Amino acid sequence: HSRTRDLPAVCRRADILVAATGQARMVQADWIKPGAAVIDVGVSEIDGELVGDVDFEAALGRASLITPSRRGIGPMTITMLLRNTLLAYQTRKGL
């Protein structure tokens, strides 16, 4: 949570860090445990540019995996929504 006491220290312990604070570039590289996987859910606009909640460029050197703030989570969300819709249909029809 964005109001967690000593948030950087909490983040540094995470093997998987999901950033969804709603504050552009809030998560700095030194908050990320070396080798952690970072999932940036946030999208904010700064000077006409869409950016995430993680300072993406700085995090590239620390995280082993990182989603781009644009086109990172959205396509997966849509894919899983469609998959679950299909599974619900198949379950209902007994297929």
Protein backbone atom coordinates (compact mmCIF):
# COMPACT_ATOMS: atom_id res chain seq x y z
CA HIS A 1 0.00 0.00 0.00
CA SER A 2 1.33 3.45 -0.84
CA ARG A 3 1.01 4.53 2.81
CA THR A 4 2.88 1.55 4.23
CA ARG A 5 5.46 2.55 6.80
CA ASP A 6 8.96 2.27 5.26
CA LEU A 7 7.56 1.13 1.93
CA PRO A 8 10.97 0.96 0.21
CA ALA A 9 12.18 -1.59 2.81
CA VAL A 10 9.03 -3.68 2.37
CA CYS A 11 9.45 -3.64 -1.41
CA ARG A 12 13.12 -4.68 -1.15
CA ARG A 13 12.03 -7.97 0.44
CA ALA A 14 9.67 -8.91 -2.40
CA ASP A 15 10.57 -11.51 -5.01
CA ILE A 16 7.53 -10.38 -6.99
CA LEU A 17 6.58 -6.72 -6.79
CA VAL A 18 3.24 -5.52 -8.15
CA ALA A 19 3.04 -1.72 -8.36
CA ALA A 20 -0.44 -0.21 -8.46
CA THR A 21 -0.15 2.97 -6.40
CA GLY A 22 -1.53 5.45 -8.92
CA GLN A 23 1.54 7.63 -8.46
CA ALA A 24 3.78 7.99 -11.49
CA ARG A 25 7.28 6.54 -11.11
CA MET A 26 6.82 6.14 -7.36
CA VAL A 27 8.77 2.87 -7.16
CA GLN A 28 12.47 3.65 -7.57
CA ALA A 29 15.19 1.21 -8.63
CA ASP A 30 16.68 1.01 -5.14
CA TRP A 31 13.29 -0.20 -3.86
CA ILE A 32 13.59 -3.33 -6.00
CA LYS A 33 15.28 -6.47 -4.73
CA PRO A 34 17.96 -7.46 -7.25
CA GLY A 35 16.53 -10.16 -9.49
CA ALA A 36 12.90 -9.55 -8.52
CA ALA A 37 10.05 -9.72 -11.01
CA VAL A 38 8.23 -6.37 -11.30
CA ILE A 39 4.68 -6.00 -12.58
CA ASP A 40 3.75 -2.37 -13.21
CA VAL A 41 -0.02 -1.98 -13.28
CA GLY A 42 -0.18 1.81 -12.99
CA VAL A 43 -0.64 4.26 -15.83
CA SER A 44 -0.24 8.02 -15.42
CA GLU A 45 0.38 10.84 -17.84
CA ILE A 46 3.33 13.17 -17.44
CA ASP A 47 3.87 15.87 -20.06
CA GLY A 48 1.83 13.92 -22.61
CA GLU A 49 3.72 10.66 -22.00
CA LEU A 50 2.14 7.60 -20.40
CA VAL A 51 4.29 6.22 -17.58
CA GLY A 52 3.84 3.58 -14.93
CA ASP A 53 4.18 3.49 -11.17
CA VAL A 54 7.73 2.11 -11.51
CA ASP A 55 10.67 4.15 -12.78
CA PHE A 56 11.00 1.72 -15.69
CA GLU A 57 14.35 2.80 -17.12
CA ALA A 58 16.06 2.73 -13.72
CA ALA A 59 14.44 -0.60 -12.77
CA LEU A 60 15.76 -2.37 -15.86
CA GLY A 61 19.12 -2.90 -14.20
CA ARG A 62 17.69 -4.35 -10.97
CA ALA A 63 14.69 -6.45 -11.93
CA SER A 64 15.12 -9.81 -13.64
CA LEU A 65 11.73 -9.33 -15.32
CA ILE A 66 9.64 -6.18 -15.68
CA THR A 67 6.43 -5.44 -17.54
CA PRO A 68 6.31 -2.25 -19.57
CA SER A 69 3.75 0.18 -18.19
CA ARG A 70 2.00 0.31 -21.55
CA ARG A 71 1.03 -2.93 -23.22
CA GLY A 72 2.27 -4.97 -20.29
CA ILE A 73 -0.72 -5.91 -18.18
CA GLY A 74 -3.62 -4.94 -20.46
CA PRO A 75 -3.19 -7.65 -23.10
CA MET A 76 -2.83 -10.33 -20.41
CA THR A 77 -5.95 -9.09 -18.63
CA ILE A 78 -7.95 -9.26 -21.86
CA THR A 79 -6.56 -12.72 -22.69
CA MET A 80 -7.49 -14.13 -19.30
CA LEU A 81 -10.94 -12.52 -19.42
CA LEU A 82 -11.63 -14.18 -22.78
CA ARG A 83 -10.25 -17.51 -21.52
CA ASN A 84 -12.46 -17.41 -18.44
CA THR A 85 -15.49 -16.50 -20.56
CA LEU A 86 -14.85 -19.53 -22.76
CA LEU A 87 -14.40 -21.80 -19.73
CA ALA A 88 -17.63 -20.50 -18.20
CA TYR A 89 -19.50 -21.21 -21.45
CA GLN A 90 -18.04 -24.70 -21.70
CA THR A 91 -18.92 -25.45 -18.07
CA ARG A 92 -22.48 -24.22 -18.54
CA LYS A 93 -22.95 -26.32 -21.70
CA GLY A 94 -21.27 -29.36 -20.12
CA LEU A 95 -18.52 -29.47 -22.73
